[in-house]
C-alpha atoms as a PDB file:
ATOM      1  CA  MET A   1    -109.591 -52.871 170.818  1.00  0.00           C
ATOM      2  CA  SER A   2    -107.141 -56.070 170.867  1.00  0.00           C
ATOM      3  CA  LYS A   3    -103.932 -55.551 172.694  1.00  0.00           C
ATOM      4  CA  ALA A   4    -102.519 -56.838 169.222  1.00  0.00           C
ATOM      5  CA  PHE A   5    -103.193 -53.303 167.935  1.00  0.00           C
ATOM      6  CA  THR A   6    -101.985 -51.418 170.760  1.00  0.00           C
ATOM      7  CA  LYS A   7     -98.410 -49.980 171.467  1.00  0.00           C
ATOM      8  CA  GLU A   8     -97.385 -50.758 175.040  1.00  0.00           C
ATOM      9  CA  ASP A   9     -94.070 -49.928 176.534  1.00  0.00           C
ATOM     10  CA  THR A  10     -93.393 -53.228 178.600  1.00  0.00           C
ATOM     11  CA  GLU A  11     -90.201 -54.564 179.752  1.00  0.00           C
ATOM     12  CA  GLY A  12     -90.633 -57.794 177.892  1.00  0.00           C
ATOM     13  CA  GLY A  13     -92.149 -56.438 174.623  1.00  0.00           C
ATOM     14  CA  GLU A  14     -90.728 -57.165 171.094  1.00  0.00           C
ATOM     15  CA  GLY A  15     -88.026 -55.258 169.680  1.00  0.00           C
ATOM     16  CA  LEU A  16     -88.196 -52.900 166.789  1.00  0.00           C
ATOM     17  CA  LEU A  17     -85.112 -54.330 165.522  1.00  0.00           C
ATOM     18  CA  LEU A  18     -85.670 -57.920 163.561  1.00  0.00           C
ATOM     19  CA  PRO A  19     -82.722 -60.463 163.991  1.00  0.00           C
ATOM     20  CA  ARG A  20     -80.910 -61.412 160.837  1.00  0.00           C
ATOM     21  CA  PRO A  21     -81.380 -64.488 159.009  1.00  0.00           C
ATOM     22  CA  ARG A  22     -79.590 -67.393 160.421  1.00  0.00           C
ATOM     23  CA  ALA A  23     -78.342 -70.482 158.685  1.00  0.00           C
ATOM     24  CA  ALA A  24     -79.699 -73.681 159.281  1.00  0.00           C
ATOM     25  CA  SER A  25     -78.903 -75.372 162.759  1.00  0.00           C
ATOM     26  CA  GLY A  26     -74.996 -76.433 162.333  1.00  0.00           C
ATOM     27  CA  ALA A  27     -74.380 -74.815 159.318  1.00  0.00           C
ATOM     28  CA  LYS A  28     -71.622 -72.165 159.108  1.00  0.00           C
ATOM     29  CA  ARG A  29     -72.321 -68.545 158.517  1.00  0.00           C
ATOM     30  CA  TYR A  30     -69.996 -66.796 156.585  1.00  0.00           C
ATOM     31  CA  ILE A  31     -69.121 -63.275 156.036  1.00  0.00           C
ATOM     32  CA  THR A  32     -66.665 -60.926 154.117  1.00  0.00           C
ATOM     33  CA  PRO A  33     -64.330 -59.237 155.863  1.00  0.00           C
ATOM     34  CA  GLU A  34     -65.876 -55.861 154.808  1.00  0.00           C
ATOM     35  CA  GLY A  35     -68.991 -57.004 156.301  1.00  0.00           C
ATOM     36  CA  TYR A  36     -67.356 -58.387 159.397  1.00  0.00           C
ATOM     37  CA  ARG A  37     -65.761 -54.828 160.101  1.00  0.00           C
ATOM     38  CA  ALA A  38     -69.003 -53.056 159.304  1.00  0.00           C
ATOM     39  CA  LEU A  39     -70.602 -54.846 162.324  1.00  0.00           C
ATOM     40  CA  GLN A  40     -67.843 -53.968 164.306  1.00  0.00           C
ATOM     41  CA  GLU A  41     -68.343 -50.363 163.542  1.00  0.00           C
ATOM     42  CA  GLU A  42     -71.808 -50.239 164.076  1.00  0.00           C
ATOM     43  CA  LEU A  43     -71.249 -52.048 167.434  1.00  0.00           C
ATOM     44  CA  ALA A  44     -68.580 -49.463 168.487  1.00  0.00           C
ATOM     45  CA  ARG A  45     -70.838 -46.675 167.567  1.00  0.00           C
ATOM     46  CA  LEU A  46     -73.621 -48.016 169.834  1.00  0.00           C
ATOM     47  CA  GLN A  47     -71.169 -48.395 172.763  1.00  0.00           C
ATOM     48  CA  GLY A  48     -69.420 -45.031 172.159  1.00  0.00           C
ATOM     49  CA  PRO A  49     -70.200 -41.855 173.736  1.00  0.00           C
ATOM     50  CA  GLY A  50     -73.316 -40.009 172.680  1.00  0.00           C
ATOM     51  CA  ALA A  51     -74.893 -43.171 171.198  1.00  0.00           C
ATOM     52  CA  GLY A  52     -78.505 -43.146 171.054  1.00  0.00           C
ATOM     53  CA  GLU A  53     -78.644 -39.528 170.678  1.00  0.00           C
ATOM     54  CA  GLU A  54     -79.959 -39.542 167.049  1.00  0.00           C
ATOM     55  CA  GLU A  55     -82.271 -42.404 167.677  1.00  0.00           C
ATOM     56  CA  PRO A  56     -85.940 -41.606 166.611  1.00  0.00           C
ATOM     57  CA  LYS A  57     -87.875 -39.682 169.436  1.00  0.00           C
ATOM     58  CA  ALA A  58     -90.979 -41.840 168.961  1.00  0.00           C
ATOM     59  CA  LEU A  59     -89.875 -44.061 171.403  1.00  0.00           C
ATOM     60  CA  GLY A  60     -89.684 -42.966 175.079  1.00  0.00           C
ATOM     61  CA  ALA A  61     -86.137 -42.918 176.636  1.00  0.00           C
ATOM     62  CA  ALA A  62     -86.419 -46.440 178.186  1.00  0.00           C
ATOM     63  CA  GLY A  63     -87.764 -47.681 174.611  1.00  0.00           C
ATOM     64  CA  ARG A  64     -84.701 -46.152 172.810  1.00  0.00           C
ATOM     65  CA  LYS A  65     -82.235 -47.852 175.381  1.00  0.00           C
ATOM     66  CA  ARG A  66     -83.899 -51.055 175.313  1.00  0.00           C
ATOM     67  CA  GLU A  67     -83.548 -51.272 171.477  1.00  0.00           C
ATOM     68  CA  ARG A  68     -80.143 -50.150 171.483  1.00  0.00           C
ATOM     69  CA  GLU A  69     -79.243 -52.660 173.973  1.00  0.00           C
ATOM     70  CA  ARG A  70     -80.933 -55.388 171.834  1.00  0.00           C
ATOM     71  CA  ARG A  71     -79.068 -54.117 168.677  1.00  0.00           C
ATOM     72  CA  MET A  72     -75.812 -54.541 170.402  1.00  0.00           C
ATOM     73  CA  LEU A  73     -76.463 -58.072 171.844  1.00  0.00           C
ATOM     74  CA  LEU A  74     -77.509 -59.330 168.367  1.00  0.00           C
ATOM     75  CA  LEU A  75     -74.467 -57.611 166.897  1.00  0.00           C
ATOM     76  CA  THR A  76     -72.166 -59.274 169.740  1.00  0.00           C
ATOM     77  CA  GLU A  77     -73.896 -62.602 169.170  1.00  0.00           C
ATOM     78  CA  THR A  78     -73.301 -62.226 165.290  1.00  0.00           C
ATOM     79  CA  LEU A  79     -69.774 -61.259 165.501  1.00  0.00           C
ATOM     80  CA  ASP A  80     -69.169 -64.615 167.816  1.00  0.00           C
ATOM     81  CA  GLU A  81     -70.959 -66.785 165.431  1.00  0.00           C
ATOM     82  CA  VAL A  82     -69.768 -65.913 161.841  1.00  0.00           C
ATOM     83  CA  GLN A  83     -66.785 -67.152 159.990  1.00  0.00           C
ATOM     84  CA  VAL A  84     -64.918 -64.467 157.916  1.00  0.00           C
ATOM     85  CA  VAL A  85     -63.964 -65.772 154.354  1.00  0.00           C
ATOM     86  CA  THR A  86     -61.551 -64.110 152.550  1.00  0.00           C
ATOM     87  CA  PRO A  87     -61.221 -64.903 148.939  1.00  0.00           C
ATOM     88  CA  GLU A  88     -58.343 -67.114 147.439  1.00  0.00           C
ATOM     89  CA  PRO A  89     -56.178 -65.892 144.594  1.00  0.00           C
ATOM     90  CA  ALA A  90     -57.114 -69.491 143.004  1.00  0.00           C
ATOM     91  CA  GLN A  91     -60.830 -68.468 142.870  1.00  0.00           C
ATOM     92  CA  GLU A  92     -60.386 -65.831 140.137  1.00  0.00           C
ATOM     93  CA  GLY A  93     -62.319 -66.113 137.325  1.00  0.00           C
ATOM     94  CA  ARG A  94     -65.104 -68.076 139.190  1.00  0.00           C
ATOM     95  CA  VAL A  95     -68.062 -67.206 141.353  1.00  0.00           C
ATOM     96  CA  PHE A  96     -67.560 -68.018 144.917  1.00  0.00           C
ATOM     97  CA  PHE A  97     -68.277 -66.393 148.304  1.00  0.00           C
ATOM     98  CA  GLY A  98     -67.208 -62.686 148.202  1.00  0.00           C
ATOM     99  CA  ALA A  99     -67.286 -62.275 144.309  1.00  0.00           C
ATOM    100  CA  TRP A 100     -68.356 -59.480 142.473  1.00  0.00           C
ATOM    101  CA  VAL A 101     -70.403 -60.880 139.662  1.00  0.00           C
ATOM    102  CA  MET A 102     -71.608 -58.998 136.520  1.00  0.00           C
ATOM    103  CA  LEU A 103     -74.586 -60.359 134.601  1.00  0.00           C
ATOM    104  CA  GLU A 104     -76.625 -59.836 131.810  1.00  0.00           C
ATOM    105  CA  ASP A 105     -80.405 -60.937 131.622  1.00  0.00           C
ATOM    106  CA  GLU A 106     -82.007 -62.495 128.454  1.00  0.00           C
ATOM    107  CA  GLU A 107     -83.339 -58.806 127.468  1.00  0.00           C
ATOM    108  CA  GLY A 108     -79.487 -57.327 127.821  1.00  0.00           C
ATOM    109  CA  ALA A 109     -80.295 -55.971 131.011  1.00  0.00           C
ATOM    110  CA  GLU A 110     -77.112 -55.883 133.506  1.00  0.00           C
ATOM    111  CA  ALA A 111     -76.772 -56.291 137.082  1.00  0.00           C
ATOM    112  CA  SER A 112     -73.979 -56.593 139.303  1.00  0.00           C
ATOM    113  CA  TYR A 113     -74.043 -58.289 142.760  1.00  0.00           C
ATOM    114  CA  ARG A 114     -71.510 -59.094 145.461  1.00  0.00           C
ATOM    115  CA  ILE A 115     -72.019 -62.706 146.981  1.00  0.00           C
ATOM    116  CA  VAL A 116     -72.127 -62.002 150.918  1.00  0.00           C
ATOM    117  CA  GLY A 117     -73.329 -63.820 153.946  1.00  0.00           C
ATOM    118  CA  PRO A 118     -76.884 -63.386 155.121  1.00  0.00           C
ATOM    119  CA  ASP A 119     -75.768 -61.243 157.993  1.00  0.00           C
ATOM    120  CA  GLU A 120     -74.782 -58.363 155.443  1.00  0.00           C
ATOM    121  CA  ALA A 121     -77.083 -59.138 152.389  1.00  0.00           C
ATOM    122  CA  ASP A 122     -78.616 -56.092 150.798  1.00  0.00           C
ATOM    123  CA  VAL A 123     -80.026 -56.591 147.353  1.00  0.00           C
ATOM    124  CA  LYS A 124     -80.432 -52.712 147.034  1.00  0.00           C
ATOM    125  CA  ALA A 125     -77.069 -52.299 147.922  1.00  0.00           C
ATOM    126  CA  GLY A 126     -75.924 -55.199 145.557  1.00  0.00           C
ATOM    127  CA  ARG A 127     -75.191 -57.687 148.170  1.00  0.00           C
ATOM    128  CA  LEU A 128     -76.846 -60.880 147.516  1.00  0.00           C
ATOM    129  CA  SER A 129     -76.994 -63.537 150.159  1.00  0.00           C
ATOM    130  CA  VAL A 130     -75.181 -66.766 149.370  1.00  0.00           C
ATOM    131  CA  GLU A 131     -78.512 -68.524 150.390  1.00  0.00           C
ATOM    132  CA  SER A 132     -80.294 -66.691 147.930  1.00  0.00           C
ATOM    133  CA  PRO A 133     -81.760 -68.742 144.665  1.00  0.00           C
ATOM    134  CA  LEU A 134     -79.597 -66.524 142.224  1.00  0.00           C
ATOM    135  CA  ALA A 135     -76.432 -66.913 144.510  1.00  0.00           C
ATOM    136  CA  ARG A 136     -76.510 -70.611 144.741  1.00  0.00           C
ATOM    137  CA  ALA A 137     -77.147 -71.062 141.083  1.00  0.00           C
ATOM    138  CA  LEU A 138     -74.150 -69.053 140.196  1.00  0.00           C
ATOM    139  CA  LEU A 139     -71.797 -70.548 142.880  1.00  0.00           C
ATOM    140  CA  GLY A 140     -68.895 -72.444 140.619  1.00  0.00           C
ATOM    141  CA  LYS A 141     -69.832 -70.575 137.269  1.00  0.00           C
ATOM    142  CA  GLU A 142     -67.373 -68.745 134.804  1.00  0.00           C
ATOM    143  CA  VAL A 143     -67.626 -65.875 132.400  1.00  0.00           C
ATOM    144  CA  GLY A 144     -69.837 -66.975 129.752  1.00  0.00           C
ATOM    145  CA  GLU A 145     -71.767 -69.369 131.610  1.00  0.00           C
ATOM    146  CA  SER A 146     -75.698 -69.062 132.097  1.00  0.00           C
ATOM    147  CA  VAL A 147     -78.006 -69.993 134.959  1.00  0.00           C
ATOM    148  CA  GLN A 148     -81.690 -69.997 135.048  1.00  0.00           C
ATOM    149  CA  VAL A 149     -83.582 -69.059 138.181  1.00  0.00           C
ATOM    150  CA  GLU A 150     -86.983 -69.308 139.037  1.00  0.00           C
ATOM    151  CA  ARG A 151     -88.667 -66.316 140.431  1.00  0.00           C
ATOM    152  CA  PRO A 152     -92.410 -65.615 141.357  1.00  0.00           C
ATOM    153  CA  ARG A 153     -92.986 -63.867 137.868  1.00  0.00           C
ATOM    154  CA  GLY A 154     -91.417 -66.868 136.144  1.00  0.00           C
ATOM    155  CA  ALA A 155     -88.142 -68.097 135.038  1.00  0.00           C
ATOM    156  CA  VAL A 156     -85.033 -65.994 133.934  1.00  0.00           C
ATOM    157  CA  GLU A 157     -81.821 -66.657 132.412  1.00  0.00           C
ATOM    158  CA  TYR A 158     -78.711 -64.692 133.608  1.00  0.00           C
ATOM    159  CA  THR A 159     -75.368 -64.922 131.887  1.00  0.00           C
ATOM    160  CA  VAL A 160     -72.260 -64.366 133.582  1.00  0.00           C
ATOM    161  CA  THR A 161     -70.389 -61.609 132.242  1.00  0.00           C
ATOM    162  CA  GLY A 162     -67.565 -60.779 134.918  1.00  0.00           C
ATOM    163  CA  VAL A 163     -66.265 -62.087 137.952  1.00  0.00           C
ATOM    164  CA  ALA A 164     -64.048 -60.227 140.339  1.00  0.00           C
ATOM    165  CA  TYR A 165     -62.817 -60.547 143.992  1.00  0.00           C
ATOM    166  CA  THR A 166     -61.937 -56.702 143.933  1.00  0.00           C
ATOM    167  CA  PRO A 167     -64.579 -54.002 143.932  1.00  0.00           C
ATOM    168  CA  PRO A 168     -65.442 -53.096 140.131  1.00  0.00           C
ATOM    169  CA  THR A 169     -64.871 -49.599 139.022  1.00  0.00           C
ATOM    170  CA  HIS A 170     -67.529 -48.065 137.555  1.00  0.00           C
END
């Protein structure tokens, strides 16, 4: 069997944790204050007492330790590289980095996303990377304006129904 299909516990082996997306060379990587704090808290958990005890048992002890160290290194590098952006009051009403944006599509379906940096993006949690096609289309828009976004299954038009810089209450 090819080595590509076997699992070996080697010192130089590839990690299970993939690095987060990186901005183009020389481009700034932004992050919200909340995203920055979340990365700091994760790093503190990994460095704290008892760290690694809840890690999957499928990896050997050396593998778990190596993966934890890789994640700590990635978090440290990320925290050093990103620039925290706090929304300005003058941005109210327009979509910029850090905004919560409420949208309605052509069929009346509603969605809400926060525009965040790639290091904190998680579409399922409602955090949309500022580098995504939808976020790029939304930047600078106001309530009532529409954007059209190409998706694999075709173009979709969204109308901005709300913009906020504090979390929306549900």
